[in-house]
N, C-alpha and C. Protein backbone atom coordinates (compact mmCIF):
# COMPACT_ATOMS: atom_id res chain seq x y z
N MET A 1 91.76 133.69 122.33
CA MET A 1 91.56 133.42 120.92
C MET A 1 90.97 132.02 120.73
N LEU A 2 91.56 131.02 121.39
CA LEU A 2 91.08 129.65 121.26
C LEU A 2 89.66 129.51 121.80
N ALA A 3 89.37 130.21 122.88
CA ALA A 3 88.03 130.17 123.45
C ALA A 3 87.01 130.75 122.48
N SER A 4 87.35 131.81 121.78
CA SER A 4 86.45 132.42 120.80
C SER A 4 86.14 131.45 119.66
N VAL A 5 87.15 130.76 119.19
CA VAL A 5 86.96 129.78 118.12
C VAL A 5 86.07 128.65 118.60
N ALA A 6 86.28 128.19 119.81
CA ALA A 6 85.48 127.10 120.37
C ALA A 6 84.02 127.53 120.52
N ILE A 7 83.78 128.72 120.99
CA ILE A 7 82.41 129.23 121.16
C ILE A 7 81.73 129.37 119.80
N PHE A 8 82.45 129.92 118.81
CA PHE A 8 81.88 130.08 117.48
C PHE A 8 81.53 128.70 116.89
N THR A 9 82.45 127.75 117.01
CA THR A 9 82.23 126.41 116.46
C THR A 9 81.03 125.74 117.12
N CYS A 10 80.94 125.84 118.42
CA CYS A 10 79.82 125.25 119.16
C CYS A 10 78.51 125.88 118.71
N GLY A 11 78.46 127.19 118.59
CA GLY A 11 77.25 127.88 118.14
C GLY A 11 76.87 127.47 116.74
N PHE A 12 77.84 127.34 115.86
CA PHE A 12 77.58 126.93 114.49
C PHE A 12 76.98 125.53 114.43
N VAL A 13 77.55 124.61 115.20
CA VAL A 13 77.05 123.23 115.22
C VAL A 13 75.61 123.18 115.73
N ILE A 14 75.32 123.94 116.76
CA ILE A 14 73.96 123.98 117.30
C ILE A 14 72.98 124.53 116.27
N MET A 15 73.34 125.59 115.58
CA MET A 15 72.46 126.19 114.57
C MET A 15 72.20 125.22 113.42
N VAL A 16 73.23 124.54 112.96
CA VAL A 16 73.06 123.57 111.87
C VAL A 16 72.12 122.46 112.32
N GLY A 17 72.28 121.98 113.52
CA GLY A 17 71.41 120.93 114.05
C GLY A 17 69.98 121.37 114.16
N LEU A 18 69.74 122.57 114.62
CA LEU A 18 68.38 123.07 114.75
C LEU A 18 67.69 123.21 113.41
N PHE A 19 68.38 123.76 112.43
CA PHE A 19 67.77 123.94 111.12
C PHE A 19 67.57 122.60 110.42
N GLY A 20 68.49 121.67 110.56
CA GLY A 20 68.38 120.37 109.91
C GLY A 20 67.23 119.54 110.46
N MET A 21 67.02 119.57 111.75
CA MET A 21 65.97 118.77 112.37
C MET A 21 64.59 119.33 112.11
N GLY A 22 64.48 120.59 111.76
CA GLY A 22 63.18 121.19 111.52
C GLY A 22 62.49 120.67 110.29
N ASP A 23 63.18 119.98 109.40
CA ASP A 23 62.59 119.50 108.16
C ASP A 23 61.95 118.13 108.30
N ALA A 24 62.26 117.40 109.34
CA ALA A 24 61.69 116.08 109.53
C ALA A 24 60.43 116.18 110.37
N PRO A 25 59.52 115.21 110.25
CA PRO A 25 58.29 115.23 111.05
C PRO A 25 58.58 115.26 112.54
N GLU A 26 57.62 115.71 113.31
CA GLU A 26 57.78 115.81 114.76
C GLU A 26 58.03 114.44 115.37
N VAL A 27 58.65 114.43 116.54
CA VAL A 27 59.06 113.20 117.20
C VAL A 27 57.90 112.26 117.47
N GLY A 28 56.73 112.76 117.86
CA GLY A 28 55.61 111.92 118.24
C GLY A 28 54.93 111.21 117.09
N GLU A 29 55.17 111.60 115.86
CA GLU A 29 54.51 111.02 114.70
C GLU A 29 55.38 109.92 114.11
N THR A 30 55.15 108.67 114.58
CA THR A 30 55.96 107.55 114.09
C THR A 30 55.07 106.36 113.79
N THR A 31 55.63 105.42 113.05
CA THR A 31 55.00 104.14 112.80
C THR A 31 56.10 103.10 112.66
N VAL A 32 55.73 101.84 112.72
CA VAL A 32 56.70 100.76 112.53
C VAL A 32 56.48 100.18 111.15
N VAL A 33 57.57 100.06 110.39
CA VAL A 33 57.50 99.46 109.06
C VAL A 33 58.48 98.31 108.96
N GLN A 34 58.19 97.39 108.05
CA GLN A 34 59.11 96.30 107.78
C GLN A 34 59.80 96.61 106.45
N VAL A 35 61.12 96.45 106.42
CA VAL A 35 61.91 96.75 105.24
C VAL A 35 61.57 95.74 104.14
N ARG A 36 61.25 96.26 102.96
CA ARG A 36 60.94 95.43 101.80
C ARG A 36 62.23 95.05 101.07
N ALA A 37 62.18 94.01 100.27
CA ALA A 37 63.35 93.57 99.50
C ALA A 37 63.85 94.70 98.61
N GLY A 38 65.15 94.97 98.68
CA GLY A 38 65.77 96.00 97.85
C GLY A 38 65.55 97.43 98.33
N GLU A 39 64.88 97.62 99.45
CA GLU A 39 64.57 98.95 99.94
C GLU A 39 65.75 99.55 100.71
N THR A 40 65.87 100.87 100.63
CA THR A 40 66.92 101.61 101.34
C THR A 40 66.27 102.55 102.35
N LEU A 41 67.08 103.09 103.25
CA LEU A 41 66.55 104.08 104.18
C LEU A 41 66.02 105.30 103.45
N TRP A 42 66.69 105.69 102.37
CA TRP A 42 66.24 106.83 101.57
C TRP A 42 64.84 106.56 101.01
N GLY A 43 64.64 105.35 100.49
CA GLY A 43 63.33 104.97 99.94
C GLY A 43 62.25 104.96 101.00
N ILE A 44 62.58 104.43 102.17
CA ILE A 44 61.62 104.40 103.28
C ILE A 44 61.28 105.82 103.70
N ALA A 45 62.27 106.69 103.78
CA ALA A 45 62.04 108.09 104.15
C ALA A 45 61.10 108.76 103.16
N ASN A 46 61.31 108.55 101.87
CA ASN A 46 60.44 109.14 100.85
C ASN A 46 59.03 108.58 100.90
N ARG A 47 58.91 107.29 101.18
CA ARG A 47 57.60 106.63 101.22
C ARG A 47 56.79 107.07 102.44
N MET A 48 57.43 107.16 103.58
CA MET A 48 56.71 107.40 104.83
C MET A 48 56.58 108.87 105.21
N ALA A 49 57.45 109.72 104.72
CA ALA A 49 57.41 111.15 105.07
C ALA A 49 57.68 111.96 103.81
N SER A 50 56.81 111.80 102.83
CA SER A 50 57.04 112.34 101.49
C SER A 50 57.19 113.86 101.44
N GLY A 51 56.62 114.59 102.35
CA GLY A 51 56.71 116.04 102.31
C GLY A 51 57.90 116.61 103.05
N SER A 52 58.76 115.75 103.57
CA SER A 52 59.88 116.19 104.41
C SER A 52 61.21 115.98 103.70
N ASP A 53 62.25 116.60 104.24
CA ASP A 53 63.60 116.43 103.72
C ASP A 53 64.05 115.00 103.99
N PRO A 54 64.30 114.20 102.93
CA PRO A 54 64.67 112.79 103.13
C PRO A 54 65.94 112.61 103.98
N HIS A 55 66.91 113.51 103.83
CA HIS A 55 68.15 113.40 104.61
C HIS A 55 67.84 113.47 106.11
N ALA A 56 67.00 114.42 106.50
CA ALA A 56 66.64 114.57 107.92
C ALA A 56 65.85 113.37 108.42
N VAL A 57 64.97 112.81 107.58
CA VAL A 57 64.18 111.65 107.98
C VAL A 57 65.08 110.43 108.13
N VAL A 58 66.01 110.23 107.20
CA VAL A 58 66.97 109.11 107.31
C VAL A 58 67.75 109.23 108.62
N GLN A 59 68.21 110.42 108.93
CA GLN A 59 68.96 110.63 110.18
C GLN A 59 68.10 110.28 111.39
N ARG A 60 66.84 110.68 111.36
CA ARG A 60 65.94 110.37 112.47
C ARG A 60 65.72 108.86 112.58
N ILE A 61 65.58 108.16 111.45
CA ILE A 61 65.41 106.70 111.47
C ILE A 61 66.64 106.04 112.08
N VAL A 62 67.82 106.46 111.66
CA VAL A 62 69.07 105.90 112.17
C VAL A 62 69.14 106.09 113.69
N GLU A 63 68.84 107.30 114.16
CA GLU A 63 68.90 107.60 115.59
C GLU A 63 67.83 106.85 116.38
N SER A 64 66.60 106.82 115.88
CA SER A 64 65.48 106.18 116.59
C SER A 64 65.66 104.69 116.74
N ASN A 65 66.37 104.08 115.80
CA ASN A 65 66.52 102.63 115.81
C ASN A 65 67.90 102.17 116.26
N GLY A 66 68.76 103.12 116.64
CA GLY A 66 70.10 102.78 117.12
C GLY A 66 70.94 102.06 116.08
N LEU A 67 70.76 102.45 114.81
CA LEU A 67 71.51 101.80 113.74
C LEU A 67 72.95 102.32 113.75
N GLY A 68 73.90 101.42 113.64
CA GLY A 68 75.30 101.80 113.60
C GLY A 68 75.70 102.36 112.25
N ALA A 69 74.95 101.98 111.22
CA ALA A 69 75.21 102.43 109.86
C ALA A 69 73.87 102.64 109.16
N PRO A 70 73.85 103.49 108.14
CA PRO A 70 72.58 103.74 107.45
C PRO A 70 72.24 102.63 106.44
N SER A 71 72.22 101.38 106.90
CA SER A 71 71.85 100.28 106.03
C SER A 71 70.85 99.39 106.76
N VAL A 72 70.02 98.70 105.99
CA VAL A 72 68.97 97.87 106.57
C VAL A 72 68.92 96.53 105.84
N GLU A 73 68.23 95.57 106.45
CA GLU A 73 68.07 94.25 105.88
C GLU A 73 66.59 93.98 105.63
N THR A 74 66.29 93.21 104.59
CA THR A 74 64.92 92.83 104.28
C THR A 74 64.29 92.17 105.50
N GLY A 75 63.07 92.59 105.82
CA GLY A 75 62.33 92.03 106.96
C GLY A 75 62.58 92.74 108.27
N GLN A 76 63.58 93.60 108.33
CA GLN A 76 63.89 94.33 109.55
C GLN A 76 62.76 95.30 109.88
N SER A 77 62.38 95.39 111.15
CA SER A 77 61.36 96.35 111.59
C SER A 77 62.03 97.63 112.04
N LEU A 78 61.48 98.75 111.61
CA LEU A 78 62.03 100.06 111.95
C LEU A 78 60.94 101.00 112.43
N VAL A 79 61.26 101.82 113.41
CA VAL A 79 60.40 102.92 113.82
C VAL A 79 60.77 104.09 112.91
N VAL A 80 59.77 104.65 112.21
CA VAL A 80 60.05 105.76 111.29
C VAL A 80 59.07 106.90 111.52
N PRO A 81 59.53 108.15 111.30
CA PRO A 81 58.63 109.29 111.39
C PRO A 81 57.70 109.31 110.19
N THR A 82 56.50 109.85 110.38
CA THR A 82 55.53 109.95 109.29
C THR A 82 55.04 111.38 109.15
N ASN A 83 54.26 111.61 108.14
CA ASN A 83 53.67 112.94 107.93
C ASN A 83 52.45 113.15 108.81
N GLY A 84 52.01 112.12 109.50
CA GLY A 84 50.86 112.27 110.38
C GLY A 84 49.62 112.17 109.61
């Protein structure tokens, strides 16, 4: 019984991850931007990948830059996905 629950949970997590990542631009399409005063990751995601799901783009920015939290500082350089 416990093994069945574990397998179902693992499968569910994998499916959610696959569908969520499909909305952000492909891995190879990136650029480096400098954070503007008052800008947020959400704003950067909308500016740089306007046709994509902002949540997925923010997650990709956090992962690509090794950010411990989804916050940024003015002047900080970030690798971000783009629409190509």
